[in-house]
């Protein structure tokens, strides 16, 4: 059996440099993104003034600099794993995130395919604007309007009362199903149009001759969607699904923070709001919050690697090799 030897390291580096020079303008466009994440995502993790992720292994004191704080090892992690409210937040985060993957992830794909079937360009632009506009509203505004509609003396309950039905407290109840439906429906309404833009861009790159050839062969719209549109955007969907799996422990802080209250806390408390509570409210134990955030990040990274390997196992290219 013959083995293929790898080229010397010097040749591989020179080839890489030639490829980078060939696509230099793409790398130039990509540079601000890299700088942004280096400055605001990675640099704070190793900030010597605040300790970064090393704070998770220190005894935090407000009146002490980081260098003078005592090392405590895995104290905060052991405390975290022993707290029942942590596992409650972990459960809610996992349920909400999996629900987003199952219910919310396919919606932008469906919307993009439906908009692609709209033949009039003017109508397509109008519908796309209508579906995209909610993304530019903050969750504070959305939840404020939602409270006016769903509160006990709001529009929905007033209508139910006039119909002789019993009012339902949508925003302050302990029902897991009711709270999850409220989370999923509002998030779909707000983000489905914006998320569909990626799939619309992928659809716009499909060669129109494929559709023309299929129509000549007798294919209808369903056949074109099933055998041309979906296979063409499937790689994009797989990449975004892998990224969503790597983000599964981030269940949406802004939305949950504005929806959560003392009554529905048991079903809507997630890791992000849990970290916020311990870091900035009550005991203000920032070291414990950093430890919880580090655990969440490692968990997300592990899921990202597993999802990518699973995509390779299914025969897809995945996010990286």
Protein backbone atom coordinates (compact mmCIF):
# COMPACT_ATOMS: atom_id res chain seq x y z
CA UNK A 1 0.00 0.00 0.00
CA UNK A 2 1.39 3.36 -1.02
CA UNK A 3 1.25 6.34 1.28
CA UNK A 4 0.87 9.92 0.11
CA UNK A 5 3.46 12.12 1.75
CA UNK A 6 2.55 15.62 2.75
CA UNK A 7 4.41 18.50 1.12
CA UNK A 8 7.00 20.28 3.26
CA UNK A 9 5.75 22.86 5.72
CA UNK A 10 7.39 25.67 3.76
CA UNK A 11 5.46 24.81 0.61
CA UNK A 12 2.18 24.55 2.51
CA UNK A 13 2.73 27.98 4.06
CA UNK A 14 3.65 29.55 0.71
CA UNK A 15 0.55 27.99 -0.87
CA UNK A 16 -1.59 29.36 1.95
CA UNK A 17 -0.11 32.82 1.50
CA UNK A 18 -0.77 32.69 -2.25
CA UNK A 19 -4.40 31.72 -1.58
CA UNK A 20 -4.77 34.53 0.93
CA UNK A 21 -3.33 37.03 -1.56
CA UNK A 22 -5.65 35.71 -4.25
CA UNK A 23 -8.68 36.34 -2.05
CA UNK A 24 -7.21 39.39 -0.31
CA UNK A 25 -10.31 41.54 -0.77
CA UNK A 26 -12.50 38.92 0.90
CA UNK A 27 -10.08 38.78 3.83
CA UNK A 28 -10.09 42.59 3.94
CA UNK A 29 -13.88 42.62 4.25
CA UNK A 30 -13.67 39.92 6.91
CA UNK A 31 -11.04 41.78 8.98
CA UNK A 32 -13.48 44.04 10.94
CA UNK A 33 -15.39 40.96 12.09
CA UNK A 34 -12.18 39.32 13.33
CA UNK A 35 -11.08 42.50 15.10
CA UNK A 36 -14.51 42.86 16.73
CA UNK A 37 -14.47 39.36 18.20
CA UNK A 38 -10.83 39.64 19.27
CA UNK A 39 -11.51 42.88 21.14
CA UNK A 40 -14.93 42.18 22.63
CA UNK A 41 -15.08 38.36 22.91
CA UNK A 42 -11.57 37.00 23.45
CA UNK A 43 -9.59 39.87 24.97
CA UNK A 44 -11.90 40.21 28.03
CA UNK A 45 -11.37 36.51 28.75
CA UNK A 46 -7.69 37.16 29.49
CA UNK A 47 -7.86 40.72 30.84
CA UNK A 48 -5.20 40.88 33.61
CA UNK A 49 -7.04 43.72 35.36
CA UNK A 50 -10.33 41.87 35.85
CA UNK A 51 -9.04 38.31 35.66
CA UNK A 52 -11.35 37.22 32.85
CA UNK A 53 -12.18 33.54 33.03
CA UNK A 54 -9.59 33.07 35.79
CA UNK A 55 -12.05 34.84 38.08
CA UNK A 56 -13.93 31.52 38.20
CA UNK A 57 -11.08 30.09 40.28
CA UNK A 58 -10.62 33.03 42.66
CA UNK A 59 -12.28 34.31 45.85
CA UNK A 60 -13.95 37.50 44.65
CA UNK A 61 -13.85 40.61 46.84
CA UNK A 62 -15.06 44.04 45.80
CA UNK A 63 -12.31 45.90 47.69
CA UNK A 64 -9.44 43.71 46.43
CA UNK A 65 -7.55 43.71 43.15
CA UNK A 66 -7.56 40.54 41.13
CA UNK A 67 -3.88 39.78 41.76
CA UNK A 68 -4.48 39.75 45.54
CA UNK A 69 -7.52 37.46 45.45
CA UNK A 70 -7.06 33.95 46.83
CA UNK A 71 -7.21 30.88 44.60
CA UNK A 72 -10.11 28.61 45.52
CA UNK A 73 -9.82 25.96 42.80
CA UNK A 74 -13.17 24.40 41.83
CA UNK A 75 -15.06 25.86 44.79
CA UNK A 76 -17.55 27.81 42.67
CA UNK A 77 -18.12 24.91 40.30
CA UNK A 78 -18.86 22.56 43.20
CA UNK A 79 -21.23 25.16 44.64
CA UNK A 80 -22.92 25.56 41.28
CA UNK A 81 -23.50 21.84 40.82
CA UNK A 82 -24.90 21.53 44.36
CA UNK A 83 -27.54 24.26 43.89
CA UNK A 84 -31.06 23.09 42.94
CA UNK A 85 -31.82 26.42 41.25
CA UNK A 86 -28.86 25.88 38.89
CA UNK A 87 -30.30 22.58 37.67
CA UNK A 88 -33.70 24.23 37.35
CA UNK A 89 -32.18 26.93 35.14
CA UNK A 90 -30.25 24.25 33.23
CA UNK A 91 -33.46 22.30 32.61
CA UNK A 92 -35.39 25.35 31.43
CA UNK A 93 -32.51 26.45 29.19
CA UNK A 94 -32.30 23.04 27.56
CA UNK A 95 -36.08 22.78 27.05
CA UNK A 96 -36.35 26.26 25.54
CA UNK A 97 -33.30 25.81 23.31
CA UNK A 98 -34.40 22.42 22.00
CA UNK A 99 -37.86 23.85 21.41
CA UNK A 100 -36.29 26.67 19.40
CA UNK A 101 -34.44 24.13 17.24
CA UNK A 102 -37.55 22.05 16.63
CA UNK A 103 -40.16 24.79 16.23
CA UNK A 104 -38.31 27.98 15.31
CA UNK A 105 -35.39 26.81 13.17
CA UNK A 106 -37.50 25.52 10.22
CA UNK A 107 -39.66 28.66 10.07
CA UNK A 108 -37.18 30.92 8.21
CA UNK A 109 -36.61 28.15 5.66
CA UNK A 110 -40.34 27.77 5.08
CA UNK A 111 -40.81 31.55 4.84
CA UNK A 112 -37.91 31.91 2.38
CA UNK A 113 -39.33 29.18 0.14
CA UNK A 114 -42.81 30.76 0.26
CA UNK A 115 -41.44 34.22 -0.58
CA UNK A 116 -39.45 32.70 -3.41
CA UNK A 117 -42.71 31.45 -4.93
CA UNK A 118 -44.16 34.98 -5.02
CA UNK A 119 -43.88 35.97 -8.68
CA UNK A 120 -44.42 39.73 -8.39
CA UNK A 121 -41.24 41.44 -7.23
CA UNK A 122 -43.14 44.35 -5.69
CA UNK A 123 -45.33 42.03 -3.61
CA UNK A 124 -42.27 40.02 -2.56
CA UNK A 125 -40.51 43.18 -1.32
CA UNK A 126 -43.60 44.27 0.59
CA UNK A 127 -43.98 40.90 2.33
CA UNK A 128 -40.26 40.73 3.10
CA UNK A 129 -40.37 44.20 4.65
CA UNK A 130 -43.40 43.28 6.76
CA UNK A 131 -41.74 40.10 8.09
CA UNK A 132 -38.35 41.76 8.64
CA UNK A 133 -39.52 44.90 10.45
CA UNK A 134 -40.19 43.27 13.89
CA UNK A 135 -36.49 42.36 14.15
CA UNK A 136 -35.65 46.06 14.57
CA UNK A 137 -37.91 46.39 17.62
CA UNK A 138 -36.24 45.82 20.97
CA UNK A 139 -37.61 43.16 23.29
CA UNK A 140 -38.47 45.90 25.78
CA UNK A 141 -40.91 47.41 23.27
CA UNK A 142 -42.27 44.02 22.16
CA UNK A 143 -42.92 42.79 25.71
CA UNK A 144 -44.45 46.15 26.70
CA UNK A 145 -46.96 45.91 23.85
CA UNK A 146 -47.51 42.24 24.66
CA UNK A 147 -48.33 43.10 28.28
CA UNK A 148 -50.93 45.63 27.17
CA UNK A 149 -52.56 42.97 24.98
CA UNK A 150 -52.32 39.93 27.29
CA UNK A 151 -52.79 41.36 30.77
CA UNK A 152 -56.00 40.65 32.68
CA UNK A 153 -57.68 43.85 31.48
CA UNK A 154 -56.03 43.74 28.08
CA UNK A 155 -57.49 43.20 24.63
CA UNK A 156 -57.49 39.39 24.64
CA UNK A 157 -58.97 38.90 28.11
CA UNK A 158 -61.52 41.68 27.57
CA UNK A 159 -62.68 39.86 24.43
CA UNK A 160 -62.84 36.56 26.32
CA UNK A 161 -64.93 38.18 29.06
CA UNK A 162 -67.36 39.64 26.56
CA UNK A 163 -67.74 36.20 25.00
CA UNK A 164 -68.59 34.74 28.40
CA UNK A 165 -65.29 32.90 28.77
CA UNK A 166 -62.93 32.85 31.74
CA UNK A 167 -59.96 35.26 31.44
CA UNK A 168 -56.49 33.70 31.48
CA UNK A 169 -53.41 35.30 32.98
CA UNK A 170 -50.99 34.78 30.10
CA UNK A 171 -48.06 36.67 31.63
CA UNK A 172 -48.19 35.43 35.23
CA UNK A 173 -48.85 31.70 35.47
CA UNK A 174 -46.87 28.59 36.29
CA UNK A 175 -47.92 26.58 33.24
CA UNK A 176 -44.83 25.36 31.38
CA UNK A 177 -46.78 24.87 28.14
CA UNK A 178 -48.36 28.34 28.18
CA UNK A 179 -45.06 30.06 28.93
CA UNK A 180 -43.16 28.11 26.28
CA UNK A 181 -45.80 28.84 23.65
CA UNK A 182 -45.56 32.53 24.50
CA UNK A 183 -41.75 32.40 24.17
CA UNK A 184 -41.76 30.52 20.86
CA UNK A 185 -44.58 32.48 19.19
CA UNK A 186 -43.16 35.90 20.07
CA UNK A 187 -39.64 34.93 18.99
CA UNK A 188 -40.85 33.50 15.68
CA UNK A 189 -42.85 36.67 15.00
CA UNK A 190 -39.84 38.85 15.78
CA UNK A 191 -36.96 36.99 14.11
CA UNK A 192 -38.37 34.81 11.33
CA UNK A 193 -38.16 37.50 8.66
CA UNK A 194 -34.61 38.50 9.50
CA UNK A 195 -33.39 34.90 9.63
CA UNK A 196 -35.03 34.15 6.26
CA UNK A 197 -32.74 36.67 4.55
CA UNK A 198 -29.85 34.18 4.61
CA UNK A 199 -31.94 31.53 2.88
CA UNK A 200 -33.31 34.03 0.37
CA UNK A 201 -29.72 34.94 -0.49
CA UNK A 202 -28.90 31.25 -0.96
CA UNK A 203 -31.98 30.79 -3.16
CA UNK A 204 -31.04 33.81 -5.29
CA UNK A 205 -27.77 32.04 -6.15
CA UNK A 206 -29.53 29.07 -7.75
CA UNK A 207 -29.14 28.90 -11.53
CA UNK A 208 -32.54 29.79 -13.11
CA UNK A 209 -31.82 27.33 -15.92
CA UNK A 210 -32.35 24.49 -13.45
CA UNK A 211 -35.95 25.59 -12.93
CA UNK A 212 -36.48 26.14 -16.66
CA UNK A 213 -35.19 22.65 -17.48
CA UNK A 214 -37.35 21.11 -14.75
CA UNK A 215 -40.49 22.90 -16.02
CA UNK A 216 -39.76 21.70 -19.56
CA UNK A 217 -39.60 18.15 -18.19
CA UNK A 218 -43.04 18.61 -16.60
CA UNK A 219 -42.11 19.52 -13.03
CA UNK A 220 -44.55 21.63 -11.01
CA UNK A 221 -43.72 24.10 -8.24
CA UNK A 222 -43.61 21.42 -5.58
CA UNK A 223 -41.14 19.37 -7.62
CA UNK A 224 -38.95 22.44 -8.17
CA UNK A 225 -38.97 23.19 -4.44
CA UNK A 226 -38.28 19.60 -3.38
CA UNK A 227 -35.61 18.74 -5.95
CA UNK A 228 -33.95 22.09 -6.73
CA UNK A 229 -34.57 24.74 -4.07
CA UNK A 230 -34.20 22.59 -0.95
CA UNK A 231 -31.06 20.67 -2.07
CA UNK A 232 -29.46 24.00 -3.02
CA UNK A 233 -30.04 25.64 0.36
CA UNK A 234 -29.52 22.47 2.40
CA UNK A 235 -25.77 23.14 3.04
CA UNK A 236 -26.63 26.60 4.35
CA UNK A 237 -29.29 25.11 6.63
CA UNK A 238 -26.84 22.51 7.95
CA UNK A 239 -24.21 25.14 8.79
CA UNK A 240 -26.78 27.29 10.61
CA UNK A 241 -28.14 24.22 12.42
CA UNK A 242 -24.63 23.36 13.64
CA UNK A 243 -24.16 26.92 14.86
CA UNK A 244 -27.53 26.76 16.61
CA UNK A 245 -26.49 23.54 18.37
CA UNK A 246 -23.34 25.32 19.54
CA UNK A 247 -25.52 28.08 20.93
CA UNK A 248 -28.01 25.82 22.66
CA UNK A 249 -27.24 27.05 26.19
CA UNK A 250 -28.06 30.63 25.15
CA UNK A 251 -31.84 30.60 25.29
CA UNK A 252 -32.33 34.33 24.63
CA UNK A 253 -31.53 36.62 27.56
CA UNK A 254 -33.36 39.75 26.35
CA UNK A 255 -36.65 37.99 25.72
CA UNK A 256 -36.66 35.86 28.86
CA UNK A 257 -35.45 38.70 31.10
CA UNK A 258 -38.40 40.87 30.05
CA UNK A 259 -40.93 38.02 30.25
CA UNK A 260 -39.79 36.54 33.55
CA UNK A 261 -41.50 37.49 36.82
CA UNK A 262 -41.89 36.05 40.29
CA UNK A 263 -44.73 33.73 39.27
CA UNK A 264 -43.36 32.20 36.04
CA UNK A 265 -39.74 32.19 37.23
CA UNK A 266 -39.81 28.44 37.83
CA UNK A 267 -40.47 27.76 34.13
CA UNK A 268 -38.60 30.70 32.53
CA UNK A 269 -35.42 31.00 34.60
CA UNK A 270 -32.52 30.21 32.23
CA UNK A 271 -28.75 30.17 32.69
CA UNK A 272 -28.29 33.69 31.35
CA UNK A 273 -30.77 35.23 33.79
CA UNK A 274 -29.38 32.96 36.53
CA UNK A 275 -25.87 34.34 35.90
CA UNK A 276 -27.21 37.89 35.86
CA UNK A 277 -28.98 37.38 39.19
CA UNK A 278 -25.90 36.08 40.98
CA UNK A 279 -23.54 38.56 39.33
CA UNK A 280 -25.44 41.82 39.73
CA UNK A 281 -28.27 41.20 42.20
CA UNK A 282 -28.42 39.78 45.70
CA UNK A 283 -24.99 38.51 46.79
CA UNK A 284 -23.21 39.96 43.71
CA UNK A 285 -20.91 36.94 43.60
CA UNK A 286 -19.19 37.67 40.29
CA UNK A 287 -16.75 34.77 40.64
CA UNK A 288 -19.68 32.36 40.85
CA UNK A 289 -21.27 34.01 37.79
CA UNK A 290 -18.02 33.72 35.83
CA UNK A 291 -17.77 30.03 36.77
CA UNK A 292 -21.33 29.41 35.59
CA UNK A 293 -20.68 31.33 32.37
CA UNK A 294 -17.48 29.35 31.76
CA UNK A 295 -19.35 26.09 32.28
CA UNK A 296 -22.01 27.24 29.80
CA UNK A 297 -19.39 28.21 27.20
CA UNK A 298 -17.55 24.89 27.48
CA UNK A 299 -20.87 23.04 27.21
CA UNK A 300 -21.79 25.03 24.07
CA UNK A 301 -18.38 24.41 22.52
CA UNK A 302 -18.68 20.67 23.16
CA UNK A 303 -22.12 20.58 21.53
CA UNK A 304 -20.74 22.50 18.54
CA UNK A 305 -17.98 19.92 18.00
CA UNK A 306 -20.41 17.01 18.41
CA UNK A 307 -22.93 18.56 16.00
CA UNK A 308 -20.21 19.13 13.42
CA UNK A 309 -18.98 15.53 13.73
CA UNK A 310 -22.55 14.27 13.45
CA UNK A 311 -22.97 16.27 10.23
CA UNK A 312 -19.83 14.61 8.85
CA UNK A 313 -21.19 11.22 9.89
CA UNK A 314 -24.36 11.94 7.90
CA UNK A 315 -22.28 12.75 4.83
CA UNK A 316 -22.54 16.57 4.96
CA UNK A 317 -19.59 18.91 4.82
CA UNK A 318 -20.27 20.47 8.20
CA UNK A 319 -18.85 23.70 9.57
CA UNK A 320 -15.22 22.59 9.63
CA UNK A 321 -13.29 19.39 8.99
